[in-house]
Amino acid sequence: MTARDRIAGLLAAEAVVVRREHPELSTALDWLVRTGDLTAVLPGAYTTPVAAGDPRAVIAAVARAWPGSVFTGAAAARLSYWPEAPLQIVTATAEHRRVGSRILRWQRRIVPPELVTARNGLRVTTPSLTALDLSDLDHTEALDVALRKRVVTLDTLREALRLTPCRAGNAARWAVFLDSRADPWSYPERLGHRLLRSEGITGWTANACFLAPGGELYYIDIAFRRLRLAIEIDGRVHATDPAVFESDRWRQNALVGAGWRVIRFTYRMMVEHPEVFIATIRAHLP
């Protein structure tokens, strides 16, 4: 087998070739870099030019070249609880200054061991710390997804903040944590909670379980259980995902059949007419 064949096999298996792991291939690696067949993702870590812009190749290079690093932010989200997380820049920790790239940013940061977990052999921040790092009051998708998937709780979020005191940006992280106290599963739900709290309306529960007479388990966006009043908030996914659309109709029929009143709002209705949102709900309260 030629050196070129060995390199091709390593790339197929591991996405990158690390020079220090294969010193016998150094000459071949240098030649393939000169011919443009390979490019350096990181110093001493190589892949094809096509793969060089793929964050997955960068993650593989970091994991092979610096296995002690911890992936953070969107990379940690994608590697753990949110495979669909938007990822343009890979972030990872480094105790000492290292050379990054246009899609790799090193963070001079030490993550407490309690907030590091392993995913497929890679070290990543826990979902609680990851979700907090990616969220603020206007951009909460990472945290909403984590809450919806139940990979975090208010207790684990609080613990992540306790273990990382004095960090820049912690005031914003505490604010989004407090904003999550009703357990919202999407930004439209979160906005609904904010409006209800701002008007002093109490007696409701978010994402309340409802067991239909036929045995189906549903979750009500906002439930006034004592009044059998359900508030349903439709985001964009309701219009684009047929499964969500169908499930919502089954849930509403089950609720109505069990004697509940159901009021539906869209995200746009709450943004453009918050006063109508509040007035409509108040009209159904005692």
C-alpha atoms as a PDB file:
ATOM      1  CA  MET A   1       0.000   0.000   0.000  1.00  0.00           C
ATOM      2  CA  THR A   2       1.383   3.402  -0.955  1.00  0.00           C
ATOM      3  CA  ALA A   3       1.592   6.325   1.430  1.00  0.00           C
ATOM      4  CA  ARG A   4      -1.095   8.070  -0.587  1.00  0.00           C
ATOM      5  CA  ASP A   5      -3.411   5.066  -0.184  1.00  0.00           C
ATOM      6  CA  ARG A   6      -2.781   5.011   3.568  1.00  0.00           C
ATOM      7  CA  ILE A   7      -3.612   8.705   3.833  1.00  0.00           C
ATOM      8  CA  ALA A   8      -6.814   8.171   1.839  1.00  0.00           C
ATOM      9  CA  GLY A   9      -7.791   5.364   4.199  1.00  0.00           C
ATOM     10  CA  LEU A  10      -7.147   7.502   7.261  1.00  0.00           C
ATOM     11  CA  LEU A  11      -9.204  10.347   5.828  1.00  0.00           C
ATOM     12  CA  ALA A  12     -12.088   7.986   5.101  1.00  0.00           C
ATOM     13  CA  ALA A  13     -12.009   6.627   8.636  1.00  0.00           C
ATOM     14  CA  GLU A  14     -11.165   9.722  10.694  1.00  0.00           C
ATOM     15  CA  ALA A  15     -11.786  12.766   8.423  1.00  0.00           C
ATOM     16  CA  VAL A  16      -8.304  14.099   9.213  1.00  0.00           C
ATOM     17  CA  VAL A  17      -4.700  12.925   9.356  1.00  0.00           C
ATOM     18  CA  VAL A  18      -2.572  14.116  12.276  1.00  0.00           C
ATOM     19  CA  ARG A  19       1.133  14.283  11.500  1.00  0.00           C
ATOM     20  CA  ARG A  20       2.386  13.423  14.963  1.00  0.00           C
ATOM     21  CA  GLU A  21       0.355  10.197  14.925  1.00  0.00           C
ATOM     22  CA  HIS A  22       1.883   9.122  11.614  1.00  0.00           C
ATOM     23  CA  PRO A  23       5.415  10.532  11.359  1.00  0.00           C
ATOM     24  CA  GLU A  24       6.223   7.987   8.643  1.00  0.00           C
ATOM     25  CA  LEU A  25       3.770   9.831   6.378  1.00  0.00           C
ATOM     26  CA  SER A  26       5.332  13.284   6.840  1.00  0.00           C
ATOM     27  CA  THR A  27       6.976  13.399   3.420  1.00  0.00           C
ATOM     28  CA  ALA A  28       3.791  12.296   1.663  1.00  0.00           C
ATOM     29  CA  LEU A  29       1.709  14.793   3.637  1.00  0.00           C
ATOM     30  CA  ASP A  30       4.034  17.654   2.683  1.00  0.00           C
ATOM     31  CA  TRP A  31       3.882  16.635  -0.961  1.00  0.00           C
ATOM     32  CA  LEU A  32       0.064  16.423  -1.006  1.00  0.00           C
ATOM     33  CA  VAL A  33      -0.169  19.837   0.631  1.00  0.00           C
ATOM     34  CA  ARG A  34       2.118  21.301  -2.045  1.00  0.00           C
ATOM     35  CA  THR A  35       0.040  19.734  -4.832  1.00  0.00           C
ATOM     36  CA  GLY A  36      -3.191  21.039  -3.305  1.00  0.00           C
ATOM     37  CA  ASP A  37      -4.617  17.595  -2.569  1.00  0.00           C
ATOM     38  CA  LEU A  38      -4.521  18.265   1.170  1.00  0.00           C
ATOM     39  CA  THR A  39      -4.824  21.355   3.319  1.00  0.00           C
ATOM     40  CA  ALA A  40      -4.087  22.039   6.964  1.00  0.00           C
ATOM     41  CA  VAL A  41      -7.200  22.334   9.099  1.00  0.00           C
ATOM     42  CA  LEU A  42      -4.980  23.004  12.112  1.00  0.00           C
ATOM     43  CA  PRO A  43      -1.198  22.994  12.398  1.00  0.00           C
ATOM     44  CA  GLY A  44      -0.230  19.374  11.867  1.00  0.00           C
ATOM     45  CA  ALA A  45      -3.767  18.182  11.019  1.00  0.00           C
ATOM     46  CA  TYR A  46      -4.790  17.735   7.383  1.00  0.00           C
ATOM     47  CA  THR A  47      -7.858  17.029   5.322  1.00  0.00           C
ATOM     48  CA  THR A  48      -9.051  17.555   1.750  1.00  0.00           C
ATOM     49  CA  PRO A  49      -9.706  21.104   0.519  1.00  0.00           C
ATOM     50  CA  VAL A  50     -13.392  20.256   0.093  1.00  0.00           C
ATOM     51  CA  ALA A  51     -13.730  19.116   3.717  1.00  0.00           C
ATOM     52  CA  ALA A  52     -11.628  21.933   5.164  1.00  0.00           C
ATOM     53  CA  GLY A  53     -14.624  24.252   5.449  1.00  0.00           C
ATOM     54  CA  ASP A  54     -16.796  21.641   7.124  1.00  0.00           C
ATOM     55  CA  PRO A  55     -17.095  22.144  10.896  1.00  0.00           C
ATOM     56  CA  ARG A  56     -17.140  18.356  11.284  1.00  0.00           C
ATOM     57  CA  ALA A  57     -13.588  18.178   9.948  1.00  0.00           C
ATOM     58  CA  VAL A  58     -12.512  20.897  12.369  1.00  0.00           C
ATOM     59  CA  ILE A  59     -14.105  19.007  15.266  1.00  0.00           C
ATOM     60  CA  ALA A  60     -12.306  15.833  14.199  1.00  0.00           C
ATOM     61  CA  ALA A  61      -9.002  17.715  13.913  1.00  0.00           C
ATOM     62  CA  VAL A  62      -9.325  19.281  17.364  1.00  0.00           C
ATOM     63  CA  ALA A  63     -10.308  15.953  18.907  1.00  0.00           C
ATOM     64  CA  ARG A  64      -7.296  14.188  17.332  1.00  0.00           C
ATOM     65  CA  ALA A  65      -4.721  16.915  17.845  1.00  0.00           C
ATOM     66  CA  TRP A  66      -5.803  18.198  21.280  1.00  0.00           C
ATOM     67  CA  PRO A  67      -7.951  15.496  22.942  1.00  0.00           C
ATOM     68  CA  GLY A  68      -7.994  17.409  26.235  1.00  0.00           C
ATOM     69  CA  SER A  69      -9.981  20.272  24.735  1.00  0.00           C
ATOM     70  CA  VAL A  70     -13.647  20.734  25.583  1.00  0.00           C
ATOM     71  CA  PHE A  71     -16.084  21.675  22.831  1.00  0.00           C
ATOM     72  CA  THR A  72     -18.424  24.509  23.788  1.00  0.00           C
ATOM     73  CA  GLY A  73     -21.275  26.527  22.319  1.00  0.00           C
ATOM     74  CA  ALA A  74     -22.929  25.385  19.093  1.00  0.00           C
ATOM     75  CA  ALA A  75     -20.389  22.585  18.597  1.00  0.00           C
ATOM     76  CA  ALA A  76     -21.266  21.151  22.019  1.00  0.00           C
ATOM     77  CA  ALA A  77     -24.986  21.481  21.271  1.00  0.00           C
ATOM     78  CA  ARG A  78     -24.643  19.644  17.963  1.00  0.00           C
ATOM     79  CA  LEU A  79     -22.506  16.911  19.502  1.00  0.00           C
ATOM     80  CA  SER A  80     -24.880  16.337  22.424  1.00  0.00           C
ATOM     81  CA  TYR A  81     -28.559  17.246  22.631  1.00  0.00           C
ATOM     82  CA  TRP A  82     -29.254  19.274  19.461  1.00  0.00           C
ATOM     83  CA  PRO A  83     -27.862  17.655  16.267  1.00  0.00           C
ATOM     84  CA  GLU A  84     -29.561  20.304  14.101  1.00  0.00           C
ATOM     85  CA  ALA A  85     -27.957  23.263  15.890  1.00  0.00           C
ATOM     86  CA  PRO A  86     -26.721  25.947  13.460  1.00  0.00           C
ATOM     87  CA  LEU A  87     -22.936  25.719  13.426  1.00  0.00           C
ATOM     88  CA  GLN A  88     -20.665  28.138  11.592  1.00  0.00           C
ATOM     89  CA  ILE A  89     -17.885  28.545  14.155  1.00  0.00           C
ATOM     90  CA  VAL A  90     -16.470  25.682  16.218  1.00  0.00           C
ATOM     91  CA  THR A  91     -15.470  26.778  19.715  1.00  0.00           C
ATOM     92  CA  ALA A  92     -13.275  24.782  22.088  1.00  0.00           C
ATOM     93  CA  THR A  93     -11.301  25.444  25.243  1.00  0.00           C
ATOM     94  CA  ALA A  94      -7.549  25.923  25.394  1.00  0.00           C
ATOM     95  CA  GLU A  95      -5.409  26.537  28.457  1.00  0.00           C
ATOM     96  CA  HIS A  96      -2.760  28.241  26.318  1.00  0.00           C
ATOM     97  CA  ARG A  97      -2.935  30.450  23.273  1.00  0.00           C
ATOM     98  CA  ARG A  98      -3.433  28.491  20.050  1.00  0.00           C
ATOM     99  CA  VAL A  99      -3.867  29.359  16.404  1.00  0.00           C
ATOM    100  CA  GLY A 100      -7.488  29.288  15.254  1.00  0.00           C
ATOM    101  CA  SER A 101      -9.024  29.625  11.818  1.00  0.00           C
ATOM    102  CA  ARG A 102     -12.018  31.198  10.153  1.00  0.00           C
ATOM    103  CA  ILE A 103     -14.248  28.401  11.491  1.00  0.00           C
ATOM    104  CA  LEU A 104     -12.403  27.620  14.726  1.00  0.00           C
ATOM    105  CA  ARG A 105     -12.217  29.859  17.772  1.00  0.00           C
ATOM    106  CA  TRP A 106     -10.258  28.899  20.859  1.00  0.00           C
ATOM    107  CA  GLN A 107     -11.525  30.019  24.264  1.00  0.00           C
ATOM    108  CA  ARG A 108      -9.097  30.656  27.113  1.00  0.00           C
ATOM    109  CA  ARG A 109     -11.376  29.050  29.616  1.00  0.00           C
ATOM    110  CA  ILE A 110     -11.386  26.274  32.210  1.00  0.00           C
ATOM    111  CA  VAL A 111     -14.701  24.448  32.468  1.00  0.00           C
ATOM    112  CA  PRO A 112     -15.447  22.837  35.855  1.00  0.00           C
ATOM    113  CA  PRO A 113     -15.263  19.032  35.532  1.00  0.00           C
ATOM    114  CA  GLU A 114     -18.861  18.759  36.770  1.00  0.00           C
ATOM    115  CA  LEU A 115     -19.923  20.631  33.616  1.00  0.00           C
ATOM    116  CA  VAL A 116     -18.013  18.436  31.156  1.00  0.00           C
ATOM    117  CA  THR A 117     -19.490  15.285  29.640  1.00  0.00           C
ATOM    118  CA  ALA A 118     -18.402  12.816  26.956  1.00  0.00           C
ATOM    119  CA  ARG A 119     -20.202  12.216  23.681  1.00  0.00           C
ATOM    120  CA  ASN A 120     -18.793   9.579  21.320  1.00  0.00           C
ATOM    121  CA  GLY A 121     -15.357  10.058  22.808  1.00  0.00           C
ATOM    122  CA  LEU A 122     -15.474  13.850  22.574  1.00  0.00           C
ATOM    123  CA  ARG A 123     -15.456  16.159  25.594  1.00  0.00           C
ATOM    124  CA  VAL A 124     -18.272  18.720  25.537  1.00  0.00           C
ATOM    125  CA  THR A 125     -19.928  21.088  27.966  1.00  0.00           C
ATOM    126  CA  THR A 126     -23.081  19.723  29.577  1.00  0.00           C
ATOM    127  CA  PRO A 127     -26.424  20.688  28.008  1.00  0.00           C
ATOM    128  CA  SER A 128     -27.159  23.085  30.879  1.00  0.00           C
ATOM    129  CA  LEU A 129     -23.985  25.119  30.405  1.00  0.00           C
ATOM    130  CA  THR A 130     -24.204  24.847  26.612  1.00  0.00           C
ATOM    131  CA  ALA A 131     -27.784  26.107  26.500  1.00  0.00           C
ATOM    132  CA  LEU A 132     -27.008  29.027  28.808  1.00  0.00           C
ATOM    133  CA  ASP A 133     -23.921  29.990  26.792  1.00  0.00           C
ATOM    134  CA  LEU A 134     -25.972  30.086  23.585  1.00  0.00           C
ATOM    135  CA  SER A 135     -28.947  32.020  24.944  1.00  0.00           C
ATOM    136  CA  ASP A 136     -30.001  35.511  25.853  1.00  0.00           C
ATOM    137  CA  LEU A 137     -33.439  37.055  26.307  1.00  0.00           C
ATOM    138  CA  ASP A 138     -33.870  37.601  22.564  1.00  0.00           C
ATOM    139  CA  HIS A 139     -32.314  34.335  21.337  1.00  0.00           C
ATOM    140  CA  THR A 140     -33.466  31.406  23.454  1.00  0.00           C
ATOM    141  CA  GLU A 141     -33.759  28.541  20.950  1.00  0.00           C
ATOM    142  CA  ALA A 142     -30.853  26.557  22.399  1.00  0.00           C
ATOM    143  CA  LEU A 143     -32.381  26.733  25.866  1.00  0.00           C
ATOM    144  CA  ASP A 144     -35.936  26.148  24.654  1.00  0.00           C
ATOM    145  CA  VAL A 145     -34.831  23.005  22.795  1.00  0.00           C
ATOM    146  CA  ALA A 146     -33.004  21.748  25.889  1.00  0.00           C
ATOM    147  CA  LEU A 147     -36.077  22.315  28.053  1.00  0.00           C
ATOM    148  CA  ARG A 148     -38.382  20.715  25.500  1.00  0.00           C
ATOM    149  CA  LYS A 149     -36.158  17.645  25.226  1.00  0.00           C
ATOM    150  CA  ARG A 150     -35.862  17.562  29.021  1.00  0.00           C
ATOM    151  CA  VAL A 151     -32.096  17.318  28.989  1.00  0.00           C
ATOM    152  CA  VAL A 152     -31.933  20.238  31.442  1.00  0.00           C
ATOM    153  CA  THR A 153     -33.958  21.315  34.445  1.00  0.00           C
ATOM    154  CA  LEU A 154     -34.123  24.554  36.357  1.00  0.00           C
ATOM    155  CA  ASP A 155     -31.987  22.907  39.037  1.00  0.00           C
ATOM    156  CA  THR A 156     -29.222  21.896  36.598  1.00  0.00           C
ATOM    157  CA  LEU A 157     -29.277  25.352  35.007  1.00  0.00           C
ATOM    158  CA  ARG A 158     -28.938  26.981  38.426  1.00  0.00           C
ATOM    159  CA  GLU A 159     -26.075  24.637  39.280  1.00  0.00           C
ATOM    160  CA  ALA A 160     -24.271  25.492  36.029  1.00  0.00           C
ATOM    161  CA  LEU A 161     -24.464  29.167  36.930  1.00  0.00           C
ATOM    162  CA  ARG A 162     -23.300  28.491  40.483  1.00  0.00           C
ATOM    163  CA  LEU A 163     -20.251  26.574  39.239  1.00  0.00           C
ATOM    164  CA  THR A 164     -19.220  29.337  36.824  1.00  0.00           C
ATOM    165  CA  PRO A 165     -19.302  32.546  38.862  1.00  0.00           C
ATOM    166  CA  CYS A 166     -17.779  35.851  37.800  1.00  0.00           C
ATOM    167  CA  ARG A 167     -17.925  35.048  34.077  1.00  0.00           C
ATOM    168  CA  ALA A 168     -18.471  37.891  31.665  1.00  0.00           C
ATOM    169  CA  GLY A 169     -22.096  37.800  30.540  1.00  0.00           C
ATOM    170  CA  ASN A 170     -23.410  36.029  33.615  1.00  0.00           C
ATOM    171  CA  ALA A 171     -25.969  38.765  34.269  1.00  0.00           C
ATOM    172  CA  ALA A 172     -27.611  37.947  30.948  1.00  0.00           C
ATOM    173  CA  ARG A 173     -27.445  34.204  31.698  1.00  0.00           C
ATOM    174  CA  TRP A 174     -29.151  34.696  35.061  1.00  0.00           C
ATOM    175  CA  ALA A 175     -31.807  36.810  33.345  1.00  0.00           C
ATOM    176  CA  VAL A 176     -32.623  34.104  30.799  1.00  0.00           C
ATOM    177  CA  PHE A 177     -32.601  31.491  33.570  1.00  0.00           C
ATOM    178  CA  LEU A 178     -35.169  33.490  35.550  1.00  0.00           C
ATOM    179  CA  ASP A 179     -37.165  33.980  32.358  1.00  0.00           C
ATOM    180  CA  SER A 180     -37.312  30.175  32.051  1.00  0.00           C
ATOM    181  CA  ARG A 181     -38.914  29.520  35.437  1.00  0.00           C
ATOM    182  CA  ALA A 182     -42.208  28.415  33.844  1.00  0.00           C
ATOM    183  CA  ASP A 183     -40.405  25.877  31.615  1.00  0.00           C
ATOM    184  CA  PRO A 184     -41.105  27.280  28.105  1.00  0.00           C
ATOM    185  CA  TRP A 185     -40.478  24.955  25.162  1.00  0.00           C
ATOM    186  CA  SER A 186     -40.321  27.625  22.438  1.00  0.00           C
ATOM    187  CA  TYR A 187     -39.832  31.364  22.075  1.00  0.00           C
ATOM    188  CA  PRO A 188     -43.562  31.990  21.325  1.00  0.00           C
ATOM    189  CA  GLU A 189     -44.444  30.178  24.563  1.00  0.00           C
ATOM    190  CA  ARG A 190     -41.814  32.186  26.401  1.00  0.00           C
ATOM    191  CA  LEU A 191     -43.357  35.406  25.105  1.00  0.00           C
ATOM    192  CA  GLY A 192     -46.777  34.254  26.288  1.00  0.00           C
ATOM    193  CA  HIS A 193     -45.383  33.619  29.757  1.00  0.00           C
ATOM    194  CA  ARG A 194     -43.818  37.083  29.837  1.00  0.00           C
ATOM    195  CA  LEU A 195     -47.112  38.728  28.901  1.00  0.00           C
ATOM    196  CA  LEU A 196     -49.042  36.820  31.549  1.00  0.00           C
ATOM    197  CA  ARG A 197     -46.497  37.641  34.240  1.00  0.00           C
ATOM    198  CA  SER A 198     -46.376  41.303  33.242  1.00  0.00           C
ATOM    199  CA  GLU A 199     -50.146  41.508  33.800  1.00  0.00           C
ATOM    200  CA  GLY A 200     -50.057  39.602  37.086  1.00  0.00           C
ATOM    201  CA  ILE A 201     -52.132  36.717  35.730  1.00  0.00           C
ATOM    202  CA  THR A 202     -51.514  33.569  37.778  1.00  0.00           C
ATOM    203  CA  GLY A 203     -53.018  30.120  38.183  1.00  0.00           C
ATOM    204  CA  TRP A 204     -51.559  28.681  34.988  1.00  0.00           C
ATOM    205  CA  THR A 205     -49.073  25.932  34.236  1.00  0.00           C
ATOM    206  CA  ALA A 206     -46.854  25.644  31.164  1.00  0.00           C
ATOM    207  CA  ASN A 207     -46.699  22.434  29.117  1.00  0.00           C
ATOM    208  CA  ALA A 208     -49.134  20.716  31.420  1.00  0.00           C
ATOM    209  CA  CYS A 209     -49.766  16.996  30.902  1.00  0.00           C
ATOM    210  CA  PHE A 210     -53.219  15.985  29.669  1.00  0.00           C
ATOM    211  CA  LEU A 211     -54.206  12.327  29.428  1.00  0.00           C
ATOM    212  CA  ALA A 212     -56.997  11.955  26.876  1.00  0.00           C
ATOM    213  CA  PRO A 213     -59.819   9.468  27.514  1.00  0.00           C
ATOM    214  CA  GLY A 214     -58.347   7.233  24.816  1.00  0.00           C
ATOM    215  CA  GLY A 215     -55.019   7.039  26.639  1.00  0.00           C
ATOM    216  CA  GLU A 216     -53.082   9.542  24.505  1.00  0.00           C
ATOM    217  CA  LEU A 217     -50.758  11.869  26.410  1.00  0.00           C
ATOM    218  CA  TYR A 218     -50.707  15.503  25.289  1.00  0.00           C
ATOM    219  CA  TYR A 219     -49.086  18.684  26.582  1.00  0.00           C
ATOM    220  CA  ILE A 220     -51.032  21.930  26.833  1.00  0.00           C
ATOM    221  CA  ASP A 221     -48.974  25.055  26.094  1.00  0.00           C
ATOM    222  CA  ILE A 222     -50.587  27.048  28.910  1.00  0.00           C
ATOM    223  CA  ALA A 223     -53.214  25.427  31.110  1.00  0.00           C
ATOM    224  CA  PHE A 224     -55.554  26.921  33.684  1.00  0.00           C
ATOM    225  CA  ARG A 225     -56.421  23.498  35.083  1.00  0.00           C
ATOM    226  CA  ARG A 226     -59.042  24.580  37.612  1.00  0.00           C
ATOM    227  CA  LEU A 227     -60.915  26.424  34.874  1.00  0.00           C
ATOM    228  CA  ARG A 228     -60.295  23.773  32.183  1.00  0.00           C
ATOM    229  CA  LEU A 229     -58.967  26.546  29.986  1.00  0.00           C
ATOM    230  CA  ALA A 230     -56.193  25.760  27.481  1.00  0.00           C
ATOM    231  CA  ILE A 231     -54.126  28.410  25.718  1.00  0.00           C
ATOM    232  CA  GLU A 232     -52.420  27.096  22.579  1.00  0.00           C
ATOM    233  CA  ILE A 233     -49.651  29.111  20.911  1.00  0.00           C
ATOM    234  CA  ASP A 234     -48.775  28.343  17.311  1.00  0.00           C
ATOM    235  CA  GLY A 235     -45.258  29.097  16.120  1.00  0.00           C
ATOM    236  CA  ARG A 236     -43.828  28.744  12.618  1.00  0.00           C
ATOM    237  CA  VAL A 237     -43.305  25.018  13.026  1.00  0.00           C
ATOM    238  CA  HIS A 238     -47.079  24.535  13.194  1.00  0.00           C
ATOM    239  CA  ALA A 239     -47.373  25.817   9.626  1.00  0.00           C
ATOM    240  CA  THR A 240     -44.386  23.953   8.203  1.00  0.00           C
ATOM    241  CA  ASP A 241     -44.497  20.590   9.995  1.00  0.00           C
ATOM    242  CA  PRO A 242     -47.550  18.481   9.015  1.00  0.00           C
ATOM    243  CA  ALA A 243     -47.025  16.141  11.995  1.00  0.00           C
ATOM    244  CA  VAL A 244     -47.211  19.050  14.454  1.00  0.00           C
ATOM    245  CA  PHE A 245     -50.274  20.449  12.676  1.00  0.00           C
ATOM    246  CA  GLU A 246     -52.067  17.090  12.873  1.00  0.00           C
ATOM    247  CA  SER A 247     -51.100  16.503  16.508  1.00  0.00           C
ATOM    248  CA  ASP A 248     -52.438  19.908  17.503  1.00  0.00           C
ATOM    249  CA  ARG A 249     -55.841  19.113  16.011  1.00  0.00           C
ATOM    250  CA  TRP A 250     -56.039  15.744  17.777  1.00  0.00           C
ATOM    251  CA  ARG A 251     -55.079  17.442  21.032  1.00  0.00           C
ATOM    252  CA  GLN A 252     -57.658  20.197  20.636  1.00  0.00           C
ATOM    253  CA  ASN A 253     -60.432  17.715  19.838  1.00  0.00           C
ATOM    254  CA  ALA A 254     -59.487  15.642  22.885  1.00  0.00           C
ATOM    255  CA  LEU A 255     -59.504  18.711  25.120  1.00  0.00           C
ATOM    256  CA  VAL A 256     -62.855  19.948  23.861  1.00  0.00           C
ATOM    257  CA  GLY A 257     -64.281  16.455  24.248  1.00  0.00           C
ATOM    258  CA  ALA A 258     -63.133  16.449  27.875  1.00  0.00           C
ATOM    259  CA  GLY A 259     -64.889  19.743  28.572  1.00  0.00           C
ATOM    260  CA  TRP A 260     -61.995  22.161  28.102  1.00  0.00           C
ATOM    261  CA  ARG A 261     -62.187  25.532  26.392  1.00  0.00           C
ATOM    262  CA  VAL A 262     -59.345  26.081  23.915  1.00  0.00           C
ATOM    263  CA  ILE A 263     -58.074  29.478  22.774  1.00  0.00           C
ATOM    264  CA  ARG A 264     -55.445  29.640  20.011  1.00  0.00           C
ATOM    265  CA  PHE A 265     -52.962  32.434  19.280  1.00  0.00           C
ATOM    266  CA  THR A 266     -50.140  32.785  16.796  1.00  0.00           C
ATOM    267  CA  TYR A 267     -46.762  34.247  17.611  1.00  0.00           C
ATOM    268  CA  ARG A 268     -47.529  37.194  15.328  1.00  0.00           C
ATOM    269  CA  MET A 269     -50.770  37.897  17.194  1.00  0.00           C
ATOM    270  CA  MET A 270     -48.889  38.129  20.489  1.00  0.00           C
ATOM    271  CA  VAL A 271     -46.147  40.330  19.040  1.00  0.00           C
ATOM    272  CA  GLU A 272     -48.443  42.743  17.207  1.00  0.00           C
ATOM    273  CA  HIS A 273     -51.452  42.665  19.529  1.00  0.00           C
ATOM    274  CA  PRO A 274     -50.335  41.729  23.047  1.00  0.00           C
ATOM    275  CA  GLU A 275     -53.250  43.674  24.516  1.00  0.00           C
ATOM    276  CA  VAL A 276     -55.709  41.429  22.642  1.00  0.00           C
ATOM    277  CA  PHE A 277     -53.878  38.331  23.900  1.00  0.00           C
ATOM    278  CA  ILE A 278     -54.302  39.499  27.493  1.00  0.00           C
ATOM    279  CA  ALA A 279     -57.861  40.790  27.071  1.00  0.00           C
ATOM    280  CA  THR A 280     -59.010  37.539  25.464  1.00  0.00           C
ATOM    281  CA  ILE A 281     -57.605  35.451  28.282  1.00  0.00           C
ATOM    282  CA  ARG A 282     -58.978  37.775  30.961  1.00  0.00           C
ATOM    283  CA  ALA A 283     -62.429  37.428  29.402  1.00  0.00           C
ATOM    284  CA  HIS A 284     -62.346  33.732  30.222  1.00  0.00           C
ATOM    285  CA  LEU A 285     -61.127  34.161  33.789  1.00  0.00           C
ATOM    286  CA  PRO A 286     -63.475  34.523  36.775  1.00  0.00           C
END
